[in-house]
Amino acid sequence: MEKLTSCPVCLGEKFKEVLSCTDYTTTKEEFVICQCSDCSFRFTNPRPDINESGKYYQSEDYISHTDSKKGLLNKLYQIARDYMIATKYKSTVKKYNAKSLVDYGCGTGDFLKYCIDKGHSAIGLEIDDSARKIALNKGCKEVYEPSHLSNISSDSADIITLWHVLEHIHDLHPTVKHFNRILNANGTLVIAVPNHESHDAKYYGKYWAAYDVPRHLYHFNVASMTRLMSDEGFKLIETRTMRLDPFYIALLSNKYQSGGMNPIKAIYIGLVSNLKTLFNIRNSSSIIYIFKKQ
């Protein structure tokens, strides 16, 4: 384990413990979430170092790496993912007229393959060996380890997408600096992450599934995301909600809280979350942030 002595966003050295959460996916270990006293950013601390983090992903329940269709949750995830791929594409790649794409944390390659089939030049980066192999078998020809990021030419990409990935990255600032380097002058950076200020996060507290410790190293809200990206030369131009996320997250959170998924309750929580989001994006379970280079 590595213990951080400064905030990953503002580098402040004063922070306090705000939550203790359980790793429900693999080890059942307890992990502490701290909050920076200066910028209010939340992060898991201590956390697995980059060399030991792999064991926390070794579960069939971690579907973004396995592509599993076993069980109700995995089947629901697959249905939601297939629907959301087209929505993500239309609201980002198509909307901003991007021709060349880097999908960082491409998982098993579904979004990447969709973009390739639409005629885009697309590179995928993925840390998990098995997920990379699945993506390659689906016909994604360029899928590499994240270290390949430094080999991508400067000013070469129209858009970089991260779908629930930034919260997993150990080398946060160096990675974002590479994004700035790789994007061309009119390039677009798309980042989707859970939002710990959401209605469902407040409702479930330490049982909120999107804390997902220790795989999620960071826990963003609008203020901390904007601060991080501004420091790295990006300007926020748009935020969007992910309307299916609160339903799936509520199912998991119910399971962690009481042992049963309780679909009726999950639907209710998801509907309330989406209704509240209509009035304030800060109620959104997950937020898509769209940035341009300053």
Protein backbone atom coordinates (compact mmCIF):
# COMPACT_ATOMS: atom_id res chain seq x y z
CA MET A 1 0.00 0.00 0.00
CA GLU A 2 1.08 3.58 -0.60
CA LYS A 3 0.03 6.42 1.68
CA LEU A 4 -0.35 9.83 0.05
CA THR A 5 1.05 12.80 1.92
CA SER A 6 -0.43 15.46 -0.37
CA CYS A 7 -3.66 16.02 -2.27
CA PRO A 8 -3.54 14.57 -5.83
CA VAL A 9 -5.21 17.72 -7.22
CA CYS A 10 -3.89 20.79 -5.37
CA LEU A 11 -0.94 19.16 -3.57
CA GLY A 12 -2.19 20.46 -0.22
CA GLU A 13 -0.87 18.56 2.78
CA LYS A 14 -3.87 18.84 5.10
CA PHE A 15 -6.75 16.37 4.79
CA LYS A 16 -9.16 14.44 6.96
CA GLU A 17 -10.87 11.05 6.87
CA VAL A 18 -14.52 11.32 5.79
CA LEU A 19 -15.58 7.72 5.03
CA SER A 20 -14.55 4.13 5.50
CA CYS A 21 -15.82 1.87 2.68
CA THR A 22 -15.64 -1.85 1.96
CA ASP A 23 -14.23 -3.48 -1.16
CA TYR A 24 -17.33 -5.53 -1.98
CA THR A 25 -15.99 -6.78 -5.33
CA THR A 26 -12.93 -8.78 -4.32
CA THR A 27 -11.25 -8.69 -0.90
CA LYS A 28 -13.86 -7.26 1.54
CA GLU A 29 -11.08 -5.04 2.93
CA GLU A 30 -11.86 -1.63 4.39
CA PHE A 31 -10.44 1.50 2.75
CA VAL A 32 -10.46 5.10 3.95
CA ILE A 33 -11.53 8.06 1.82
CA CYS A 34 -9.89 11.37 2.73
CA GLN A 35 -10.90 14.92 1.85
CA CYS A 36 -8.43 17.72 1.19
CA SER A 37 -8.84 20.67 3.58
CA ASP A 38 -7.80 23.14 0.87
CA CYS A 39 -9.71 22.08 -2.29
CA SER A 40 -12.17 19.47 -0.85
CA PHE A 41 -11.02 16.77 -3.28
CA ARG A 42 -11.69 13.22 -2.07
CA PHE A 43 -9.27 10.34 -2.59
CA THR A 44 -8.66 6.80 -1.33
CA ASN A 45 -5.77 6.82 1.13
CA PRO A 46 -3.85 4.62 1.66
CA ARG A 47 -4.29 2.90 -1.68
CA PRO A 48 -2.77 -0.05 -3.55
CA ASP A 49 0.40 0.92 -5.36
CA ILE A 50 0.45 0.46 -9.10
CA ASN A 51 2.17 -2.93 -8.84
CA GLU A 52 -0.38 -4.49 -6.47
CA SER A 53 -3.57 -2.93 -7.84
CA GLY A 54 -4.14 -5.76 -10.35
CA LYS A 55 -5.46 -8.21 -7.77
CA TYR A 56 -8.37 -5.88 -6.96
CA TYR A 57 -9.66 -6.26 -10.53
CA GLN A 58 -9.56 -10.07 -10.61
CA SER A 59 -13.26 -10.82 -10.36
CA GLU A 60 -16.02 -11.86 -12.75
CA ASP A 61 -18.04 -9.09 -11.14
CA TYR A 62 -15.70 -6.55 -12.74
CA ILE A 63 -17.51 -6.65 -16.06
CA SER A 64 -15.66 -3.91 -17.94
CA HIS A 65 -12.66 -6.27 -18.06
CA THR A 66 -14.43 -9.63 -18.45
CA ASP A 67 -17.36 -8.99 -20.81
CA SER A 68 -19.29 -11.51 -18.72
CA LYS A 69 -23.00 -12.08 -19.36
CA LYS A 70 -23.53 -14.27 -16.28
CA GLY A 71 -26.12 -13.13 -13.77
CA LEU A 72 -28.79 -10.43 -13.80
CA LEU A 73 -26.45 -7.50 -13.08
CA ASN A 74 -24.06 -8.39 -15.88
CA LYS A 75 -26.92 -8.82 -18.35
CA LEU A 76 -28.39 -5.46 -17.36
CA TYR A 77 -24.95 -3.89 -17.71
CA GLN A 78 -24.57 -5.30 -21.23
CA ILE A 79 -27.98 -3.98 -22.31
CA ALA A 80 -27.28 -0.53 -20.86
CA ARG A 81 -23.80 -0.43 -22.38
CA ASP A 82 -25.04 -1.28 -25.88
CA TYR A 83 -27.63 1.48 -25.65
CA MET A 84 -25.18 4.02 -24.25
CA ILE A 85 -22.47 3.45 -26.88
CA ALA A 86 -24.55 5.10 -29.58
CA THR A 87 -25.55 7.92 -27.23
CA LYS A 88 -21.94 8.55 -26.23
CA TYR A 89 -20.86 8.58 -29.85
CA LYS A 90 -23.53 11.06 -30.99
CA SER A 91 -22.98 13.47 -28.08
CA THR A 92 -19.17 13.54 -28.35
CA VAL A 93 -17.36 12.13 -31.39
CA LYS A 94 -20.08 13.03 -33.89
CA LYS A 95 -21.08 16.33 -32.25
CA TYR A 96 -17.52 17.66 -32.28
CA ASN A 97 -16.80 16.30 -35.76
CA ALA A 98 -13.81 14.26 -34.60
CA LYS A 99 -11.97 12.13 -37.14
CA SER A 100 -9.16 10.73 -34.98
CA LEU A 101 -9.83 9.24 -31.55
CA VAL A 102 -7.93 7.95 -28.54
CA ASP A 103 -10.08 5.93 -26.11
CA TYR A 104 -8.11 5.74 -22.86
CA GLY A 105 -9.21 2.75 -20.78
CA CYS A 106 -11.05 1.14 -23.66
CA GLY A 107 -11.84 -2.05 -21.71
CA THR A 108 -13.07 -4.79 -24.02
CA GLY A 109 -13.27 -2.36 -26.94
CA ASP A 110 -16.99 -1.89 -27.57
CA PHE A 111 -16.97 1.91 -27.88
CA LEU A 112 -13.68 1.78 -29.78
CA LYS A 113 -15.05 -0.76 -32.28
CA TYR A 114 -18.22 1.31 -32.75
CA CYS A 115 -16.10 4.34 -33.70
CA ILE A 116 -13.93 2.28 -36.04
CA ASP A 117 -17.03 0.93 -37.78
CA LYS A 118 -18.16 4.55 -38.25
CA GLY A 119 -14.95 5.23 -40.17
CA HIS A 120 -12.83 6.89 -37.51
CA SER A 121 -9.13 6.43 -36.91
CA ALA A 122 -9.10 5.07 -33.37
CA ILE A 123 -6.48 3.96 -30.85
CA GLY A 124 -7.36 2.16 -27.62
CA LEU A 125 -5.31 2.07 -24.43
CA GLU A 126 -6.08 -0.53 -21.77
CA ILE A 127 -4.11 -1.76 -18.76
CA ASP A 128 -5.76 -5.18 -18.40
CA ASP A 129 -4.24 -7.94 -20.56
CA SER A 130 -7.41 -10.00 -20.90
CA ALA A 131 -9.53 -6.96 -21.79
CA ARG A 132 -7.00 -5.93 -24.46
CA LYS A 133 -7.15 -9.41 -26.01
CA ILE A 134 -10.95 -9.29 -26.13
CA ALA A 135 -10.80 -5.86 -27.82
CA LEU A 136 -8.29 -7.11 -30.39
CA ASN A 137 -10.46 -10.16 -31.10
CA LYS A 138 -13.41 -7.84 -31.77
CA GLY A 139 -11.44 -6.18 -34.57
CA CYS A 140 -9.85 -3.23 -32.79
CA LYS A 141 -6.45 -3.27 -34.48
CA GLU A 142 -4.65 -0.68 -32.36
CA VAL A 143 -5.00 -1.48 -28.66
CA TYR A 144 -1.99 -0.89 -26.43
CA GLU A 145 -0.90 -0.69 -22.81
CA PRO A 146 -1.30 2.79 -21.25
CA SER A 147 2.47 3.35 -21.45
CA HIS A 148 1.98 3.72 -25.22
CA LEU A 149 0.45 7.14 -24.48
CA SER A 150 3.91 8.71 -24.57
CA ASN A 151 4.47 7.31 -28.09
CA ILE A 152 1.40 9.00 -29.60
CA SER A 153 2.36 12.02 -31.69
CA SER A 154 1.69 15.53 -30.43
CA ASP A 155 -1.32 17.40 -31.90
CA SER A 156 -2.51 14.17 -33.53
CA ALA A 157 -5.94 13.54 -31.97
CA ASP A 158 -9.27 15.30 -32.46
CA ILE A 159 -10.80 13.75 -29.35
CA ILE A 160 -9.73 11.73 -26.30
CA THR A 161 -12.39 9.85 -24.34
CA LEU A 162 -12.29 8.34 -20.86
CA TRP A 163 -15.47 6.51 -19.84
CA HIS A 164 -15.23 5.91 -16.08
CA VAL A 165 -11.44 5.66 -16.24
CA LEU A 166 -9.81 8.79 -14.77
CA GLU A 167 -10.70 7.69 -11.24
CA HIS A 168 -8.44 4.63 -11.71
CA ILE A 169 -5.23 6.34 -12.93
CA HIS A 170 -2.30 6.43 -10.51
CA ASP A 171 -0.20 8.99 -12.40
CA LEU A 172 -2.94 11.59 -12.61
CA HIS A 173 -1.16 14.83 -13.54
CA PRO A 174 1.41 13.29 -15.95
CA THR A 175 -1.37 11.47 -17.79
CA VAL A 176 -3.50 14.61 -18.20
CA LYS A 177 -0.42 16.49 -19.44
CA HIS A 178 -0.08 13.87 -22.18
CA PHE A 179 -3.72 14.43 -23.14
CA ASN A 180 -2.99 18.12 -23.61
CA ARG A 181 0.05 17.31 -25.73
CA ILE A 182 -1.72 14.78 -27.94
CA LEU A 183 -4.85 16.83 -28.68
CA ASN A 184 -4.70 19.26 -31.58
CA ALA A 185 -5.52 22.95 -31.14
CA ASN A 186 -9.28 22.38 -31.45
CA GLY A 187 -9.21 19.02 -29.72
CA THR A 188 -11.85 17.79 -27.26
CA LEU A 189 -11.32 15.89 -24.02
CA VAL A 190 -14.27 13.85 -22.72
CA ILE A 191 -14.19 12.51 -19.16
CA ALA A 192 -17.01 10.60 -17.46
CA VAL A 193 -16.73 9.88 -13.73
CA PRO A 194 -19.00 9.23 -10.75
CA ASN A 195 -20.06 12.28 -8.74
CA HIS A 196 -19.85 11.96 -4.95
CA GLU A 197 -22.22 14.93 -4.49
CA SER A 198 -25.04 13.11 -6.29
CA HIS A 199 -28.43 12.31 -4.78
CA ASP A 200 -27.73 8.58 -4.70
CA ALA A 201 -24.25 9.07 -3.17
CA LYS A 202 -25.76 11.05 -0.31
CA TYR A 203 -28.56 8.52 0.11
CA TYR A 204 -26.36 5.41 0.29
CA GLY A 205 -23.36 6.92 2.07
CA LYS A 206 -20.58 4.37 2.61
CA TYR A 207 -22.61 1.76 0.68
CA TRP A 208 -22.66 3.82 -2.53
CA ALA A 209 -21.36 1.41 -5.15
CA ALA A 210 -19.58 4.10 -7.19
CA TYR A 211 -17.02 4.63 -4.42
CA ASP A 212 -15.76 1.21 -5.56
CA VAL A 213 -12.65 1.25 -3.35
CA PRO A 214 -9.80 0.62 -3.89
CA ARG A 215 -10.17 0.51 -7.69
CA HIS A 216 -11.42 4.10 -7.58
CA LEU A 217 -8.46 6.10 -6.35
CA TYR A 218 -10.25 9.44 -6.71
CA HIS A 219 -13.79 10.66 -6.02
CA PHE A 220 -14.67 13.75 -8.07
CA ASN A 221 -17.27 16.47 -7.93
CA VAL A 222 -17.70 19.40 -10.34
CA ALA A 223 -15.39 21.70 -8.37
CA SER A 224 -12.48 19.25 -8.07
CA MET A 225 -12.71 18.11 -11.69
CA THR A 226 -12.76 21.71 -12.93
CA ARG A 227 -9.79 22.60 -10.68
CA LEU A 228 -7.68 19.66 -11.86
CA MET A 229 -8.30 20.24 -15.54
CA SER A 230 -7.89 24.02 -15.35
CA ASP A 231 -4.47 23.52 -13.76
CA GLU A 232 -3.55 21.32 -16.73
CA GLY A 233 -4.67 23.79 -19.40
CA PHE A 234 -8.25 22.74 -20.12
CA LYS A 235 -11.47 24.76 -20.09
CA LEU A 236 -14.81 23.17 -19.24
CA ILE A 237 -17.36 23.85 -21.98
CA GLU A 238 -20.16 21.39 -21.24
CA THR A 239 -21.47 18.89 -18.68
CA ARG A 240 -23.92 16.09 -19.32
CA THR A 241 -25.54 13.43 -17.14
CA MET A 242 -25.48 9.65 -17.66
CA ARG A 243 -29.12 8.81 -17.06
CA LEU A 244 -28.82 5.03 -16.79
CA ASP A 245 -26.02 5.06 -14.21
CA PRO A 246 -28.09 5.76 -11.07
CA PHE A 247 -30.31 2.71 -11.71
CA TYR A 248 -27.36 0.32 -12.03
CA ILE A 249 -25.49 1.93 -9.13
CA ALA A 250 -28.61 1.75 -6.94
CA LEU A 251 -28.98 -1.98 -7.65
CA LEU A 252 -25.43 -2.59 -6.48
CA SER A 253 -25.73 -0.20 -3.54
CA ASN A 254 -28.88 -1.98 -2.35
CA LYS A 255 -26.99 -5.26 -2.52
CA TYR A 256 -24.12 -3.87 -0.44
CA GLN A 257 -26.46 -2.23 2.05
CA SER A 258 -28.98 -5.02 2.67
CA GLY A 259 -27.91 -8.10 0.73
CA GLY A 260 -30.58 -7.82 -1.99
CA MET A 261 -30.68 -5.72 -5.15
CA ASN A 262 -34.32 -4.62 -4.63
CA PRO A 263 -35.10 -3.56 -8.23
CA ILE A 264 -38.19 -1.53 -7.28
CA LYS A 265 -36.20 0.58 -4.85
CA ALA A 266 -33.38 0.95 -7.41
CA ILE A 267 -35.84 2.24 -10.02
CA TYR A 268 -37.24 4.73 -7.52
CA ILE A 269 -33.78 6.01 -6.50
CA GLY A 270 -32.74 6.24 -10.16
CA LEU A 271 -35.85 8.23 -11.10
CA VAL A 272 -35.43 10.63 -8.18
CA SER A 273 -31.77 11.10 -9.03
CA ASN A 274 -32.55 11.91 -12.67
CA LEU A 275 -35.36 14.27 -11.67
CA LYS A 276 -33.08 16.19 -9.33
CA THR A 277 -30.43 16.35 -12.05
CA LEU A 278 -32.84 18.29 -14.27
CA PHE A 279 -32.49 21.19 -11.84
CA ASN A 280 -28.79 20.83 -10.96
CA ILE A 281 -26.09 18.72 -12.64
CA ARG A 282 -24.48 18.29 -9.22
CA ASN A 283 -27.23 15.78 -8.38
CA SER A 284 -26.14 13.53 -11.24
CA SER A 285 -24.85 10.08 -10.31
CA SER A 286 -22.22 10.28 -13.06
CA ILE A 287 -21.19 13.36 -15.04
CA ILE A 288 -19.68 13.66 -18.51
CA TYR A 289 -17.28 16.61 -18.60
CA ILE A 290 -16.30 18.04 -21.98
CA PHE A 291 -13.13 20.16 -22.14
CA LYS A 292 -11.28 22.17 -24.75
CA LYS A 293 -7.62 23.20 -24.60
CA GLN A 294 -7.20 26.73 -23.26
